[in-house]
Amino acid sequence: MHAGSDGPPNGGSHDGASAAYPAPVRGLASALNVGKPAITRALDTLSRLGFVQRRRDPKDGRNVFVERTEKGDAFLDMLGSTILQGDVIEQRPILAAVS
């Protein structure tokens, strides 16, 4: 998202369920009501796990966008379907997914 813009930088839509577009780090921190250091630590971990990737805004190098990877999408799908089915979440499959 750019200043003065209501939508994501690639013209997609905000649907809340799937962030198919890159989100700005600043926007994530604000939306989650946490400080930038906290979101940076969380994103560092998610990046190490291969769930998200960061990239600089080509129009303004000060902005950093975050987007889910295929591995991140797959993990969220697995976790979401487990929760929706009301299944007991076993740690083993989840830990295997993040390894």
PDB file of N, CA and C in Angstrom:
ATOM      1  N   MET A   1       0.833  -1.172   0.000  1.00  0.00           N
ATOM      2  CA  MET A   1       0.000   0.000   0.000  1.00  0.00           C
ATOM      3  C   MET A   1       0.874   1.229   0.000  1.00  0.00           C
ATOM      4  N   HIS A   2       0.490   2.165  -0.749  1.00  0.00           N
ATOM      5  CA  HIS A   2       1.214   3.417  -0.784  1.00  0.00           C
ATOM      6  C   HIS A   2       0.406   4.479  -0.075  1.00  0.00           C
ATOM      7  N   ALA A   3       1.087   5.500   0.432  1.00  0.00           N
ATOM      8  CA  ALA A   3       0.380   6.586   1.086  1.00  0.00           C
ATOM      9  C   ALA A   3      -0.659   7.149   0.133  1.00  0.00           C
ATOM     10  N   GLY A   4      -1.853   7.372   0.665  1.00  0.00           N
ATOM     11  CA  GLY A   4      -2.917   7.910  -0.160  1.00  0.00           C
ATOM     12  C   GLY A   4      -3.641   6.868  -0.978  1.00  0.00           C
ATOM     13  N   SER A   5      -3.290   5.624  -0.828  1.00  0.00           N
ATOM     14  CA  SER A   5      -3.921   4.556  -1.591  1.00  0.00           C
ATOM     15  C   SER A   5      -4.790   3.721  -0.671  1.00  0.00           C
ATOM     16  N   ASP A   6      -5.958   3.350  -1.155  1.00  0.00           N
ATOM     17  CA  ASP A   6      -6.848   2.518  -0.356  1.00  0.00           C
ATOM     18  C   ASP A   6      -6.628   1.043  -0.602  1.00  0.00           C
ATOM     19  N   GLY A   7      -5.916   0.689  -1.649  1.00  0.00           N
ATOM     20  CA  GLY A   7      -5.752  -0.719  -1.990  1.00  0.00           C
ATOM     21  C   GLY A   7      -4.308  -1.114  -2.032  1.00  0.00           C
ATOM     22  N   PRO A   8      -4.094  -2.379  -2.303  1.00  0.00           N
ATOM     23  CA  PRO A   8      -2.723  -2.865  -2.399  1.00  0.00           C
ATOM     24  C   PRO A   8      -2.031  -2.304  -3.624  1.00  0.00           C
ATOM     25  N   PRO A   9      -0.712  -2.342  -3.647  1.00  0.00           N
ATOM     26  CA  PRO A   9       0.039  -1.704  -4.716  1.00  0.00           C
ATOM     27  C   PRO A   9      -0.189  -2.306  -6.087  1.00  0.00           C
ATOM     28  N   ASN A  10      -0.620  -3.551  -6.164  1.00  0.00           N
ATOM     29  CA  ASN A  10      -0.801  -4.163  -7.479  1.00  0.00           C
ATOM     30  C   ASN A  10      -2.234  -4.074  -7.974  1.00  0.00           C
ATOM     31  N   GLY A  11      -3.063  -3.313  -7.274  1.00  0.00           N
ATOM     32  CA  GLY A  11      -4.431  -3.114  -7.716  1.00  0.00           C
ATOM     33  C   GLY A  11      -5.376  -4.217  -7.315  1.00  0.00           C
ATOM     34  N   GLY A  12      -4.936  -5.170  -6.488  1.00  0.00           N
ATOM     35  CA  GLY A  12      -5.805  -6.245  -6.014  1.00  0.00           C
ATOM     36  C   GLY A  12      -6.812  -5.704  -5.019  1.00  0.00           C
ATOM     37  N   SER A  13      -7.538  -6.585  -4.387  1.00  0.00           N
ATOM     38  CA  SER A  13      -8.523  -6.139  -3.425  1.00  0.00           C
ATOM     39  C   SER A  13      -8.190  -6.681  -2.047  1.00  0.00           C
ATOM     40  N   HIS A  14      -8.703  -5.986  -1.034  1.00  0.00           N
ATOM     41  CA  HIS A  14      -8.564  -6.450   0.343  1.00  0.00           C
ATOM     42  C   HIS A  14      -9.736  -7.364   0.622  1.00  0.00           C
ATOM     43  N   ASP A  15      -9.484  -8.638   0.821  1.00  0.00           N
ATOM     44  CA  ASP A  15     -10.604  -9.512   1.137  1.00  0.00           C
ATOM     45  C   ASP A  15     -10.499 -10.064   2.551  1.00  0.00           C
ATOM     46  N   GLY A  16      -9.429  -9.751   3.261  1.00  0.00           N
ATOM     47  CA  GLY A  16      -9.291 -10.163   4.636  1.00  0.00           C
ATOM     48  C   GLY A  16      -8.872 -11.621   4.799  1.00  0.00           C
ATOM     49  N   ALA A  17      -9.342 -12.493   3.921  1.00  0.00           N
ATOM     50  CA  ALA A  17      -9.041 -13.909   4.067  1.00  0.00           C
ATOM     51  C   ALA A  17      -7.730 -14.274   3.407  1.00  0.00           C
ATOM     52  N   SER A  18      -7.398 -13.602   2.340  1.00  0.00           N
ATOM     53  CA  SER A  18      -6.197 -13.963   1.604  1.00  0.00           C
ATOM     54  C   SER A  18      -5.484 -12.709   1.160  1.00  0.00           C
ATOM     55  N   ALA A  19      -4.288 -12.520   1.668  1.00  0.00           N
ATOM     56  CA  ALA A  19      -3.501 -11.372   1.254  1.00  0.00           C
ATOM     57  C   ALA A  19      -2.610 -11.822   0.110  1.00  0.00           C
ATOM     58  N   ALA A  20      -3.156 -11.818  -1.093  1.00  0.00           N
ATOM     59  CA  ALA A  20      -2.415 -12.280  -2.261  1.00  0.00           C
ATOM     60  C   ALA A  20      -1.439 -11.230  -2.742  1.00  0.00           C
ATOM     61  N   TYR A  21      -1.552 -10.056  -2.214  1.00  0.00           N
ATOM     62  CA  TYR A  21      -0.680  -8.960  -2.603  1.00  0.00           C
ATOM     63  C   TYR A  21       0.337  -8.726  -1.499  1.00  0.00           C
ATOM     64  N   PRO A  22       1.440  -8.085  -1.802  1.00  0.00           N
ATOM     65  CA  PRO A  22       2.391  -7.784  -0.726  1.00  0.00           C
ATOM     66  C   PRO A  22       1.824  -6.726   0.217  1.00  0.00           C
ATOM     67  N   ALA A  23       2.085  -6.892   1.491  1.00  0.00           N
ATOM     68  CA  ALA A  23       1.636  -5.943   2.508  1.00  0.00           C
ATOM     69  C   ALA A  23       2.849  -5.189   3.039  1.00  0.00           C
ATOM     70  N   PRO A  24       2.696  -3.899   3.306  1.00  0.00           N
ATOM     71  CA  PRO A  24       3.825  -3.151   3.856  1.00  0.00           C
ATOM     72  C   PRO A  24       4.068  -3.526   5.320  1.00  0.00           C
ATOM     73  N   VAL A  25       5.328  -3.613   5.699  1.00  0.00           N
ATOM     74  CA  VAL A  25       5.680  -3.951   7.083  1.00  0.00           C
ATOM     75  C   VAL A  25       5.035  -2.951   8.034  1.00  0.00           C
ATOM     76  N   ARG A  26       5.109  -1.691   7.700  1.00  0.00           N
ATOM     77  CA  ARG A  26       4.519  -0.643   8.535  1.00  0.00           C
ATOM     78  C   ARG A  26       3.021  -0.875   8.731  1.00  0.00           C
ATOM     79  N   GLY A  27       2.333  -1.261   7.642  1.00  0.00           N
ATOM     80  CA  GLY A  27       0.902  -1.516   7.707  1.00  0.00           C
ATOM     81  C   GLY A  27       0.563  -2.724   8.569  1.00  0.00           C
ATOM     82  N   LEU A  28       1.393  -3.771   8.486  1.00  0.00           N
ATOM     83  CA  LEU A  28       1.178  -4.946   9.326  1.00  0.00           C
ATOM     84  C   LEU A  28       1.311  -4.587  10.799  1.00  0.00           C
ATOM     85  N   ALA A  29       2.342  -3.840  11.132  1.00  0.00           N
ATOM     86  CA  ALA A  29       2.556  -3.442  12.527  1.00  0.00           C
ATOM     87  C   ALA A  29       1.364  -2.636  13.027  1.00  0.00           C
ATOM     88  N   SER A  30       0.886  -1.729  12.214  1.00  0.00           N
ATOM     89  CA  SER A  30      -0.255  -0.902  12.597  1.00  0.00           C
ATOM     90  C   SER A  30      -1.526  -1.739  12.741  1.00  0.00           C
ATOM     91  N   ALA A  31      -1.788  -2.620  11.761  1.00  0.00           N
ATOM     92  CA  ALA A  31      -3.000  -3.440  11.787  1.00  0.00           C
ATOM     93  C   ALA A  31      -3.013  -4.385  12.990  1.00  0.00           C
ATOM     94  N   LEU A  32      -1.844  -4.859  13.398  1.00  0.00           N
ATOM     95  CA  LEU A  32      -1.751  -5.786  14.519  1.00  0.00           C
ATOM     96  C   LEU A  32      -1.535  -5.074  15.849  1.00  0.00           C
ATOM     97  N   ASN A  33      -1.415  -3.744  15.780  1.00  0.00           N
ATOM     98  CA  ASN A  33      -1.223  -2.917  16.966  1.00  0.00           C
ATOM     99  C   ASN A  33       0.020  -3.340  17.756  1.00  0.00           C
ATOM    100  N   VAL A  34       1.104  -3.548  17.014  1.00  0.00           N
ATOM    101  CA  VAL A  34       2.392  -3.878  17.637  1.00  0.00           C
ATOM    102  C   VAL A  34       3.447  -2.931  17.067  1.00  0.00           C
ATOM    103  N   GLY A  35       4.546  -2.830  17.763  1.00  0.00           N
ATOM    104  CA  GLY A  35       5.626  -1.976  17.302  1.00  0.00           C
ATOM    105  C   GLY A  35       6.409  -2.610  16.166  1.00  0.00           C
ATOM    106  N   LYS A  36       7.142  -1.782  15.445  1.00  0.00           N
ATOM    107  CA  LYS A  36       7.941  -2.291  14.332  1.00  0.00           C
ATOM    108  C   LYS A  36       8.977  -3.324  14.774  1.00  0.00           C
ATOM    109  N   PRO A  37       9.624  -3.171  15.945  1.00  0.00           N
ATOM    110  CA  PRO A  37      10.568  -4.221  16.366  1.00  0.00           C
ATOM    111  C   PRO A  37       9.889  -5.584  16.538  1.00  0.00           C
ATOM    112  N   ALA A  38       8.667  -5.593  17.071  1.00  0.00           N
ATOM    113  CA  ALA A  38       7.953  -6.866  17.275  1.00  0.00           C
ATOM    114  C   ALA A  38       7.596  -7.508  15.939  1.00  0.00           C
ATOM    115  N   ILE A  39       7.115  -6.715  14.994  1.00  0.00           N
ATOM    116  CA  ILE A  39       6.732  -7.277  13.694  1.00  0.00           C
ATOM    117  C   ILE A  39       7.978  -7.730  12.943  1.00  0.00           C
ATOM    118  N   THR A  40       9.079  -7.011  13.117  1.00  0.00           N
ATOM    119  CA  THR A  40      10.333  -7.395  12.462  1.00  0.00           C
ATOM    120  C   THR A  40      10.815  -8.744  12.977  1.00  0.00           C
ATOM    121  N   ARG A  41      10.756  -8.966  14.296  1.00  0.00           N
ATOM    122  CA  ARG A  41      11.162 -10.265  14.857  1.00  0.00           C
ATOM    123  C   ARG A  41      10.262 -11.382  14.336  1.00  0.00           C
ATOM    124  N   ALA A  42       8.960 -11.130  14.296  1.00  0.00           N
ATOM    125  CA  ALA A  42       8.023 -12.145  13.800  1.00  0.00           C
ATOM    126  C   ALA A  42       8.299 -12.452  12.332  1.00  0.00           C
ATOM    127  N   LEU A  43       8.528 -11.417  11.530  1.00  0.00           N
ATOM    128  CA  LEU A  43       8.803 -11.616  10.109  1.00  0.00           C
ATOM    129  C   LEU A  43      10.143 -12.311   9.883  1.00  0.00           C
ATOM    130  N   ASP A  44      11.120 -12.033  10.739  1.00  0.00           N
ATOM    131  CA  ASP A  44      12.404 -12.744  10.646  1.00  0.00           C
ATOM    132  C   ASP A  44      12.176 -14.246  10.810  1.00  0.00           C
ATOM    133  N   THR A  45      11.381 -14.621  11.806  1.00  0.00           N
ATOM    134  CA  THR A  45      11.090 -16.037  12.045  1.00  0.00           C
ATOM    135  C   THR A  45      10.309 -16.633  10.886  1.00  0.00           C
ATOM    136  N   LEU A  46       9.260 -15.942  10.438  1.00  0.00           N
ATOM    137  CA  LEU A  46       8.453 -16.447   9.320  1.00  0.00           C
ATOM    138  C   LEU A  46       9.292 -16.569   8.053  1.00  0.00           C
ATOM    139  N   SER A  47      10.234 -15.660   7.857  1.00  0.00           N
ATOM    140  CA  SER A  47      11.129 -15.729   6.696  1.00  0.00           C
ATOM    141  C   SER A  47      12.047 -16.938   6.792  1.00  0.00           C
ATOM    142  N   ARG A  48      12.616 -17.155   7.990  1.00  0.00           N
ATOM    143  CA  ARG A  48      13.495 -18.320   8.188  1.00  0.00           C
ATOM    144  C   ARG A  48      12.748 -19.625   7.933  1.00  0.00           C
ATOM    145  N   LEU A  49      11.475 -19.664   8.281  1.00  0.00           N
ATOM    146  CA  LEU A  49      10.656 -20.856   8.065  1.00  0.00           C
ATOM    147  C   LEU A  49      10.197 -20.984   6.615  1.00  0.00           C
ATOM    148  N   GLY A  50      10.402 -19.930   5.838  1.00  0.00           N
ATOM    149  CA  GLY A  50      10.014 -19.961   4.435  1.00  0.00           C
ATOM    150  C   GLY A  50       8.553 -19.630   4.182  1.00  0.00           C
ATOM    151  N   PHE A  51       7.866 -19.035   5.165  1.00  0.00           N
ATOM    152  CA  PHE A  51       6.445 -18.723   5.039  1.00  0.00           C
ATOM    153  C   PHE A  51       6.170 -17.373   4.387  1.00  0.00           C
ATOM    154  N   VAL A  52       7.106 -16.453   4.487  1.00  0.00           N
ATOM    155  CA  VAL A  52       6.943 -15.127   3.879  1.00  0.00           C
ATOM    156  C   VAL A  52       8.259 -14.712   3.236  1.00  0.00           C
ATOM    157  N   GLN A  53       8.158 -13.737   2.351  1.00  0.00           N
ATOM    158  CA  GLN A  53       9.360 -13.125   1.793  1.00  0.00           C
ATOM    159  C   GLN A  53       9.155 -11.617   1.779  1.00  0.00           C
ATOM    160  N   ARG A  54      10.246 -10.917   1.901  1.00  0.00           N
ATOM    161  CA  ARG A  54      10.217  -9.451   1.888  1.00  0.00           C
ATOM    162  C   ARG A  54      10.828  -8.962   0.592  1.00  0.00           C
ATOM    163  N   ARG A  55      10.335  -7.811   0.155  1.00  0.00           N
ATOM    164  CA  ARG A  55      10.988  -7.159  -0.983  1.00  0.00           C
ATOM    165  C   ARG A  55      10.769  -5.655  -0.888  1.00  0.00           C
ATOM    166  N   ARG A  56      11.741  -4.944  -1.392  1.00  0.00           N
ATOM    167  CA  ARG A  56      11.674  -3.483  -1.385  1.00  0.00           C
ATOM    168  C   ARG A  56      10.721  -2.994  -2.460  1.00  0.00           C
ATOM    169  N   ASP A  57      10.052  -1.909  -2.160  1.00  0.00           N
ATOM    170  CA  ASP A  57       9.179  -1.250  -3.126  1.00  0.00           C
ATOM    171  C   ASP A  57      10.074  -0.638  -4.199  1.00  0.00           C
ATOM    172  N   PRO A  58       9.899  -1.041  -5.462  1.00  0.00           N
ATOM    173  CA  PRO A  58      10.766  -0.495  -6.510  1.00  0.00           C
ATOM    174  C   PRO A  58      10.565   1.013  -6.719  1.00  0.00           C
ATOM    175  N   LYS A  59       9.410   1.526  -6.316  1.00  0.00           N
ATOM    176  CA  LYS A  59       9.145   2.964  -6.481  1.00  0.00           C
ATOM    177  C   LYS A  59       9.670   3.786  -5.323  1.00  0.00           C
ATOM    178  N   ASP A  60       9.790   3.158  -4.153  1.00  0.00           N
ATOM    179  CA  ASP A  60      10.278   3.860  -2.968  1.00  0.00           C
ATOM    180  C   ASP A  60      11.014   2.846  -2.108  1.00  0.00           C
ATOM    181  N   GLY A  61      12.320   2.800  -2.208  1.00  0.00           N
ATOM    182  CA  GLY A  61      13.143   1.817  -1.527  1.00  0.00           C
ATOM    183  C   GLY A  61      13.035   1.822  -0.018  1.00  0.00           C
ATOM    184  N   ARG A  62      12.407   2.849   0.544  1.00  0.00           N
ATOM    185  CA  ARG A  62      12.231   2.882   2.001  1.00  0.00           C
ATOM    186  C   ARG A  62      11.139   1.915   2.447  1.00  0.00           C
ATOM    187  N   ASN A  63      10.212   1.610   1.553  1.00  0.00           N
ATOM    188  CA  ASN A  63       9.110   0.706   1.881  1.00  0.00           C
ATOM    189  C   ASN A  63       9.516  -0.737   1.645  1.00  0.00           C
ATOM    190  N   VAL A  64       9.119  -1.607   2.564  1.00  0.00           N
ATOM    191  CA  VAL A  64       9.364  -3.035   2.431  1.00  0.00           C
ATOM    192  C   VAL A  64       8.011  -3.736   2.453  1.00  0.00           C
ATOM    193  N   PHE A  65       7.785  -4.583   1.453  1.00  0.00           N
ATOM    194  CA  PHE A  65       6.549  -5.339   1.373  1.00  0.00           C
ATOM    195  C   PHE A  65       6.804  -6.782   1.779  1.00  0.00           C
ATOM    196  N   VAL A  66       5.781  -7.404   2.348  1.00  0.00           N
ATOM    197  CA  VAL A  66       5.851  -8.793   2.782  1.00  0.00           C
ATOM    198  C   VAL A  66       4.746  -9.552   2.068  1.00  0.00           C
ATOM    199  N   GLU A  67       5.088 -10.740   1.565  1.00  0.00           N
ATOM    200  CA  GLU A  67       4.066 -11.583   0.965  1.00  0.00           C
ATOM    201  C   GLU A  67       4.299 -13.032   1.346  1.00  0.00           C
ATOM    202  N   ARG A  68       3.202 -13.780   1.408  1.00  0.00           N
ATOM    203  CA  ARG A  68       3.314 -15.200   1.724  1.00  0.00           C
ATOM    204  C   ARG A  68       3.937 -15.942   0.565  1.00  0.00           C
ATOM    205  N   THR A  69       4.648 -17.006   0.911  1.00  0.00           N
ATOM    206  CA  THR A  69       5.217 -17.898  -0.093  1.00  0.00           C
ATOM    207  C   THR A  69       4.235 -19.053  -0.310  1.00  0.00           C
ATOM    208  N   GLU A  70       4.547 -19.913  -1.270  1.00  0.00           N
ATOM    209  CA  GLU A  70       3.717 -21.103  -1.475  1.00  0.00           C
ATOM    210  C   GLU A  70       3.711 -21.969  -0.215  1.00  0.00           C
ATOM    211  N   LYS A  71       4.856 -22.075   0.435  1.00  0.00           N
ATOM    212  CA  LYS A  71       4.938 -22.851   1.674  1.00  0.00           C
ATOM    213  C   LYS A  71       4.056 -22.223   2.752  1.00  0.00           C
ATOM    214  N   GLY A  72       4.045 -20.901   2.832  1.00  0.00           N
ATOM    215  CA  GLY A  72       3.193 -20.205   3.793  1.00  0.00           C
ATOM    216  C   GLY A  72       1.719 -20.417   3.502  1.00  0.00           C
ATOM    217  N   ASP A  73       1.345 -20.369   2.220  1.00  0.00           N
ATOM    218  CA  ASP A  73      -0.046 -20.632   1.833  1.00  0.00           C
ATOM    219  C   ASP A  73      -0.454 -22.048   2.214  1.00  0.00           C
ATOM    220  N   ALA A  74       0.414 -23.017   1.930  1.00  0.00           N
ATOM    221  CA  ALA A  74       0.105 -24.415   2.231  1.00  0.00           C
ATOM    222  C   ALA A  74      -0.066 -24.620   3.733  1.00  0.00           C
ATOM    223  N   PHE A  75       0.800 -23.998   4.525  1.00  0.00           N
ATOM    224  CA  PHE A  75       0.698 -24.136   5.973  1.00  0.00           C
ATOM    225  C   PHE A  75      -0.608 -23.538   6.476  1.00  0.00           C
ATOM    226  N   LEU A  76      -0.968 -22.353   5.990  1.00  0.00           N
ATOM    227  CA  LEU A  76      -2.218 -21.734   6.428  1.00  0.00           C
ATOM    228  C   LEU A  76      -3.427 -22.556   6.011  1.00  0.00           C
ATOM    229  N   ASP A  77      -3.388 -23.129   4.809  1.00  0.00           N
ATOM    230  CA  ASP A  77      -4.479 -23.999   4.360  1.00  0.00           C
ATOM    231  C   ASP A  77      -4.631 -25.193   5.296  1.00  0.00           C
ATOM    232  N   MET A  78      -3.503 -25.838   5.627  1.00  0.00           N
ATOM    233  CA  MET A  78      -3.534 -27.007   6.510  1.00  0.00           C
ATOM    234  C   MET A  78      -4.061 -26.627   7.890  1.00  0.00           C
ATOM    235  N   LEU A  79      -3.559 -25.549   8.443  1.00  0.00           N
ATOM    236  CA  LEU A  79      -3.967 -25.117   9.766  1.00  0.00           C
ATOM    237  C   LEU A  79      -5.436 -24.704   9.772  1.00  0.00           C
ATOM    238  N   GLY A  80      -5.838 -23.943   8.759  1.00  0.00           N
ATOM    239  CA  GLY A  80      -7.224 -23.486   8.677  1.00  0.00           C
ATOM    240  C   GLY A  80      -8.203 -24.634   8.543  1.00  0.00           C
ATOM    241  N   SER A  81      -7.901 -25.600   7.703  1.00  0.00           N
ATOM    242  CA  SER A  81      -8.822 -26.725   7.527  1.00  0.00           C
ATOM    243  C   SER A  81      -8.893 -27.573   8.800  1.00  0.00           C
ATOM    244  N   THR A  82      -7.784 -27.683   9.496  1.00  0.00           N
ATOM    245  CA  THR A  82      -7.778 -28.424  10.760  1.00  0.00           C
ATOM    246  C   THR A  82      -8.674 -27.732  11.772  1.00  0.00           C
ATOM    247  N   ILE A  83      -8.580 -26.438  11.855  1.00  0.00           N
ATOM    248  CA  ILE A  83      -9.398 -25.677  12.805  1.00  0.00           C
ATOM    249  C   ILE A  83     -10.870 -25.739  12.407  1.00  0.00           C
ATOM    250  N   LEU A  84     -11.179 -25.554  11.137  1.00  0.00           N
ATOM    251  CA  LEU A  84     -12.568 -25.574  10.671  1.00  0.00           C
ATOM    252  C   LEU A  84     -13.220 -26.927  10.888  1.00  0.00           C
ATOM    253  N   GLN A  85     -12.450 -27.997  10.775  1.00  0.00           N
ATOM    254  CA  GLN A  85     -12.990 -29.340  10.978  1.00  0.00           C
ATOM    255  C   GLN A  85     -13.179 -29.651  12.461  1.00  0.00           C
ATOM    256  N   GLY A  86     -12.652 -28.784  13.312  1.00  0.00           N
ATOM    257  CA  GLY A  86     -12.768 -29.008  14.743  1.00  0.00           C
ATOM    258  C   GLY A  86     -11.884 -30.131  15.242  1.00  0.00           C
ATOM    259  N   ASP A  87     -10.928 -30.514  14.422  1.00  0.00           N
ATOM    260  CA  ASP A  87     -10.013 -31.577  14.822  1.00  0.00           C
ATOM    261  C   ASP A  87      -9.080 -31.078  15.912  1.00  0.00           C
ATOM    262  N   VAL A  88      -8.645 -32.008  16.713  1.00  0.00           N
ATOM    263  CA  VAL A  88      -7.619 -31.692  17.693  1.00  0.00           C
ATOM    264  C   VAL A  88      -6.341 -31.469  16.912  1.00  0.00           C
ATOM    265  N   ILE A  89      -5.703 -30.371  17.172  1.00  0.00           N
ATOM    266  CA  ILE A  89      -4.473 -30.061  16.453  1.00  0.00           C
ATOM    267  C   ILE A  89      -3.335 -30.839  17.088  1.00  0.00           C
ATOM    268  N   GLU A  90      -2.767 -31.711  16.308  1.00  0.00           N
ATOM    269  CA  GLU A  90      -1.610 -32.455  16.770  1.00  0.00           C
ATOM    270  C   GLU A  90      -0.364 -31.669  16.426  1.00  0.00           C
ATOM    271  N   GLN A  91       0.564 -31.643  17.335  1.00  0.00           N
ATOM    272  CA  GLN A  91       1.779 -30.872  17.109  1.00  0.00           C
ATOM    273  C   GLN A  91       2.663 -31.477  16.041  1.00  0.00           C
ATOM    274  N   ARG A  92       2.673 -32.783  15.907  1.00  0.00           N
ATOM    275  CA  ARG A  92       3.617 -33.426  14.984  1.00  0.00           C
ATOM    276  C   ARG A  92       3.464 -32.934  13.542  1.00  0.00           C
ATOM    277  N   PRO A  93       2.225 -32.936  12.931  1.00  0.00           N
ATOM    278  CA  PRO A  93       2.130 -32.466  11.546  1.00  0.00           C
ATOM    279  C   PRO A  93       2.475 -30.978  11.402  1.00  0.00           C
ATOM    280  N   ILE A  94       2.120 -30.203  12.404  1.00  0.00           N
ATOM    281  CA  ILE A  94       2.407 -28.781  12.326  1.00  0.00           C
ATOM    282  C   ILE A  94       3.907 -28.547  12.436  1.00  0.00           C
ATOM    283  N   LEU A  95       4.553 -29.255  13.353  1.00  0.00           N
ATOM    284  CA  LEU A  95       6.007 -29.115  13.480  1.00  0.00           C
ATOM    285  C   LEU A  95       6.715 -29.606  12.229  1.00  0.00           C
ATOM    286  N   ALA A  96       6.191 -30.647  11.603  1.00  0.00           N
ATOM    287  CA  ALA A  96       6.803 -31.144  10.363  1.00  0.00           C
ATOM    288  C   ALA A  96       6.672 -30.110   9.255  1.00  0.00           C
ATOM    289  N   ALA A  97       5.559 -29.391   9.234  1.00  0.00           N
ATOM    290  CA  ALA A  97       5.335 -28.387   8.201  1.00  0.00           C
ATOM    291  C   ALA A  97       6.280 -27.203   8.336  1.00  0.00           C
ATOM    292  N   VAL A  98       6.701 -26.891   9.545  1.00  0.00           N
ATOM    293  CA  VAL A  98       7.588 -25.743   9.747  1.00  0.00           C
ATOM    294  C   VAL A  98       9.055 -26.135   9.733  1.00  0.00           C
ATOM    295  N   SER A  99       9.328 -27.413   9.631  1.00  0.00           N
ATOM    296  CA  SER A  99      10.729 -27.859   9.602  1.00  0.00           C
ATOM    297  C   SER A  99      11.323 -27.710   8.231  1.00  0.00           C
TER     298      SER A  99
END
